[in-house]
Amino acid sequence: MALRRCLRVAAGVIPRLLLNPVRCGACCASGRSPLSTTTVSSLVSNTHARRCSYALTSKTELLLRCYSSSSGNTDVSYDQLKQILVGHKAVVFDVREPWELREYGSIPGSINVPLGQVDHALQLDPDEFKEKYGGDMPQPMDNIVFSCLAGIRSKKALEMATSLGYKAVQHYPGGWQDWAKNEQLN
């Protein structure tokens, strides 16, 4: 089963990287050429990788870091999140630990998937996901919004989902703190 999950991720991420050049953000932003098929196989020893601020310890980590750099606005405001929830326009994940939800509360309609489980959860079989987390597993093209306490963990979850091939991912940077404050005002 673990092998099947690994193959599913590899089958989804690697072809996109090979077919669509990506920019890592550091050296590519300065006008140097983006990563391409010829550079993917030699990322670690490549001079491009040495210039890149994302250079990590292995080819896989570097590849995912460069792939996960996102452009565009990924932030969702309180009002936007309210509209998303009312219209069921996205799957909303709360990446806090279960005890935090019990102690402080949660955003209605959100699915609790702790940050440490996001990577694994997004690679599960849809039936396994529903059984473990109590909601429908989003597909790579579905809208997803991540939330946490104050926006730090949700940003990390967004990066994980992007590295797994999810396209329409956002996060609520205000998190539960902003939600609770706005709910008291209304």
Protein backbone atom coordinates (compact mmCIF):
# COMPACT_ATOMS: atom_id res chain seq x y z
CA MET A 1 0.00 0.00 0.00
CA ALA A 2 2.83 2.43 0.83
CA LEU A 3 4.48 1.63 -2.48
CA ARG A 4 1.21 2.37 -4.28
CA ARG A 5 1.02 5.77 -2.59
CA CYS A 6 4.62 6.59 -3.50
CA LEU A 7 3.99 5.63 -7.09
CA ARG A 8 0.81 7.74 -7.18
CA VAL A 9 2.73 10.79 -5.97
CA ALA A 10 5.62 10.18 -8.34
CA ALA A 11 3.24 9.65 -11.25
CA GLY A 12 1.52 12.95 -10.49
CA VAL A 13 4.42 15.24 -9.64
CA ILE A 14 7.35 14.13 -11.79
CA PRO A 15 5.62 14.36 -15.22
CA ARG A 16 4.40 17.89 -14.44
CA LEU A 17 7.92 18.91 -13.49
CA LEU A 18 9.35 17.48 -16.65
CA LEU A 19 6.70 18.93 -18.95
CA ASN A 20 6.32 22.34 -17.32
CA PRO A 21 9.47 24.23 -16.41
CA VAL A 22 9.24 25.73 -12.94
CA ARG A 23 10.98 28.66 -11.36
CA CYS A 24 12.49 28.24 -7.93
CA GLY A 25 12.15 31.89 -7.02
CA ALA A 26 15.70 32.68 -6.00
CA CYS A 27 18.03 32.54 -8.97
CA CYS A 28 15.30 32.00 -11.58
CA ALA A 29 13.62 35.26 -10.60
CA SER A 30 16.74 37.10 -11.67
CA GLY A 31 16.30 36.05 -15.28
CA ARG A 32 18.26 32.81 -15.31
CA SER A 33 16.62 29.90 -17.06
CA PRO A 34 13.98 27.82 -15.20
CA LEU A 35 14.48 24.21 -14.28
CA SER A 36 13.93 21.94 -17.27
CA THR A 37 14.09 18.29 -18.22
CA THR A 38 17.84 18.50 -18.61
CA THR A 39 18.42 20.00 -15.16
CA VAL A 40 15.96 17.85 -13.17
CA SER A 41 18.30 14.85 -13.14
CA SER A 42 21.28 16.84 -11.93
CA LEU A 43 19.76 19.31 -9.49
CA VAL A 44 22.07 18.76 -6.56
CA SER A 45 25.36 19.01 -8.41
CA ASN A 46 24.10 21.60 -10.89
CA THR A 47 25.43 25.16 -10.51
CA HIS A 48 21.83 26.34 -10.76
CA ALA A 49 21.05 24.37 -7.60
CA ARG A 50 24.09 25.76 -5.81
CA ARG A 51 22.87 29.31 -6.53
CA CYS A 52 19.33 28.42 -5.53
CA SER A 53 18.37 29.36 -1.97
CA TYR A 54 16.29 26.22 -1.78
CA ALA A 55 19.29 23.89 -2.10
CA LEU A 56 18.68 21.15 0.46
CA THR A 57 20.19 17.77 1.23
CA SER A 58 18.64 15.58 -1.46
CA LYS A 59 17.39 15.74 -5.01
CA THR A 60 13.83 15.03 -3.91
CA GLU A 61 13.72 17.78 -1.30
CA LEU A 62 15.20 20.32 -3.69
CA LEU A 63 12.86 19.27 -6.46
CA LEU A 64 9.79 19.63 -4.25
CA ARG A 65 10.92 22.93 -2.80
CA CYS A 66 11.40 24.46 -6.22
CA TYR A 67 8.14 22.96 -7.45
CA SER A 68 6.20 24.22 -4.45
CA SER A 69 7.12 27.86 -4.78
CA SER A 70 3.86 29.49 -5.68
CA SER A 71 2.97 32.70 -7.37
CA GLY A 72 -0.17 34.70 -6.95
CA ASN A 73 -2.24 35.46 -3.91
CA THR A 74 -2.92 32.46 -1.73
CA ASP A 75 -4.37 34.35 1.25
CA VAL A 76 -8.08 34.22 2.12
CA SER A 77 -9.72 36.88 4.28
CA TYR A 78 -12.39 36.26 6.91
CA ASP A 79 -15.13 37.48 4.57
CA GLN A 80 -13.87 35.32 1.71
CA LEU A 81 -13.72 32.27 3.98
CA LYS A 82 -17.31 32.91 5.13
CA GLN A 83 -18.45 32.99 1.48
CA ILE A 84 -16.47 29.82 0.69
CA LEU A 85 -18.09 27.98 3.60
CA VAL A 86 -21.62 29.14 2.77
CA GLY A 87 -21.25 28.22 -0.91
CA HIS A 88 -19.33 24.98 -0.27
CA LYS A 89 -16.74 26.29 -2.74
CA ALA A 90 -13.73 24.60 -1.13
CA VAL A 91 -12.62 21.95 1.31
CA VAL A 92 -11.44 23.72 4.47
CA PHE A 93 -8.74 21.95 6.49
CA ASP A 94 -7.89 22.95 10.05
CA VAL A 95 -4.33 21.76 10.59
CA ARG A 96 -4.23 22.28 14.35
CA GLU A 97 -3.99 19.38 16.76
CA PRO A 98 -7.32 17.87 17.94
CA TRP A 99 -6.80 19.11 21.51
CA GLU A 100 -6.59 22.68 20.18
CA LEU A 101 -9.98 22.34 18.52
CA ARG A 102 -11.51 20.92 21.70
CA GLU A 103 -10.02 23.67 23.85
CA TYR A 104 -10.52 26.71 21.61
CA GLY A 105 -13.13 25.73 19.03
CA SER A 106 -13.14 25.21 15.29
CA ILE A 107 -14.38 26.81 12.11
CA PRO A 108 -17.74 25.20 11.25
CA GLY A 109 -17.47 22.92 8.23
CA SER A 110 -13.72 22.44 8.46
CA ILE A 111 -12.01 19.04 8.50
CA ASN A 112 -9.33 18.49 11.12
CA VAL A 113 -6.13 17.10 9.58
CA PRO A 114 -3.18 17.94 11.86
CA LEU A 115 -0.18 19.44 10.07
CA GLY A 116 1.96 16.37 10.73
CA GLN A 117 -0.59 14.24 8.83
CA VAL A 118 -1.33 16.53 5.84
CA ASP A 119 1.27 15.01 3.54
CA HIS A 120 0.08 11.46 4.25
CA ALA A 121 -3.64 12.38 4.25
CA LEU A 122 -3.51 13.93 0.78
CA GLN A 123 -2.04 10.68 -0.58
CA LEU A 124 -4.65 8.36 0.93
CA ASP A 125 -7.28 6.46 -1.00
CA PRO A 126 -10.52 8.57 -0.89
CA ASP A 127 -12.32 5.90 1.17
CA GLU A 128 -9.46 5.75 3.69
CA PHE A 129 -9.45 9.55 3.91
CA LYS A 130 -13.20 9.70 4.57
CA GLU A 131 -12.96 6.98 7.21
CA LYS A 132 -10.06 8.64 9.05
CA TYR A 133 -11.01 12.32 8.76
CA GLY A 134 -14.79 12.25 8.28
CA GLY A 135 -14.91 14.25 5.06
CA ASP A 136 -14.46 13.89 1.32
CA MET A 137 -10.88 13.88 0.10
CA PRO A 138 -10.20 16.74 -2.31
CA GLN A 139 -8.92 16.01 -5.79
CA PRO A 140 -5.83 17.83 -7.14
CA MET A 141 -7.99 20.39 -8.99
CA ASP A 142 -10.40 21.05 -6.08
CA ASN A 143 -10.25 24.26 -4.07
CA ILE A 144 -8.63 23.80 -0.67
CA VAL A 145 -8.23 26.33 2.14
CA PHE A 146 -5.92 25.59 5.07
CA SER A 147 -6.38 27.18 8.48
CA CYS A 148 -4.61 26.92 11.83
CA LEU A 149 -4.27 29.13 14.90
CA ALA A 150 -2.47 32.12 13.40
CA GLY A 151 -1.38 31.27 9.84
CA ILE A 152 2.03 29.64 10.30
CA ARG A 153 1.04 25.97 10.05
CA SER A 154 -1.57 26.64 7.34
CA LYS A 155 1.13 28.15 5.13
CA LYS A 156 3.26 25.02 5.60
CA ALA A 157 0.26 22.82 4.75
CA LEU A 158 -0.32 24.90 1.60
CA GLU A 159 3.28 24.25 0.52
CA MET A 160 2.88 20.51 1.16
CA ALA A 161 -0.32 20.32 -0.90
CA THR A 162 1.28 22.28 -3.73
CA SER A 163 4.26 19.93 -3.77
CA LEU A 164 1.83 17.01 -4.12
CA GLY A 165 0.25 18.56 -7.22
CA TYR A 166 -2.77 20.33 -5.73
CA LYS A 167 -3.40 23.45 -7.79
CA ALA A 168 -6.09 25.58 -6.12
CA VAL A 169 -4.74 25.87 -2.59
CA GLN A 170 -5.03 28.84 -0.27
CA HIS A 171 -4.68 29.54 3.41
CA TYR A 172 -6.41 31.71 5.97
CA PRO A 173 -3.50 33.63 7.52
CA GLY A 174 -5.59 34.97 10.40
CA GLY A 175 -6.48 31.45 11.48
CA TRP A 176 -8.68 30.62 14.43
CA GLN A 177 -7.65 33.79 16.27
CA ASP A 178 -8.96 36.03 13.48
CA TRP A 179 -12.06 33.86 12.99
CA ALA A 180 -13.01 34.01 16.70
CA LYS A 181 -12.43 37.78 16.83
CA ASN A 182 -14.60 38.40 13.75
CA GLU A 183 -17.34 36.05 14.94
CA GLN A 184 -17.57 37.98 18.25
CA LEU A 185 -17.94 41.25 16.32
CA ASN A 186 -20.82 39.89 14.21
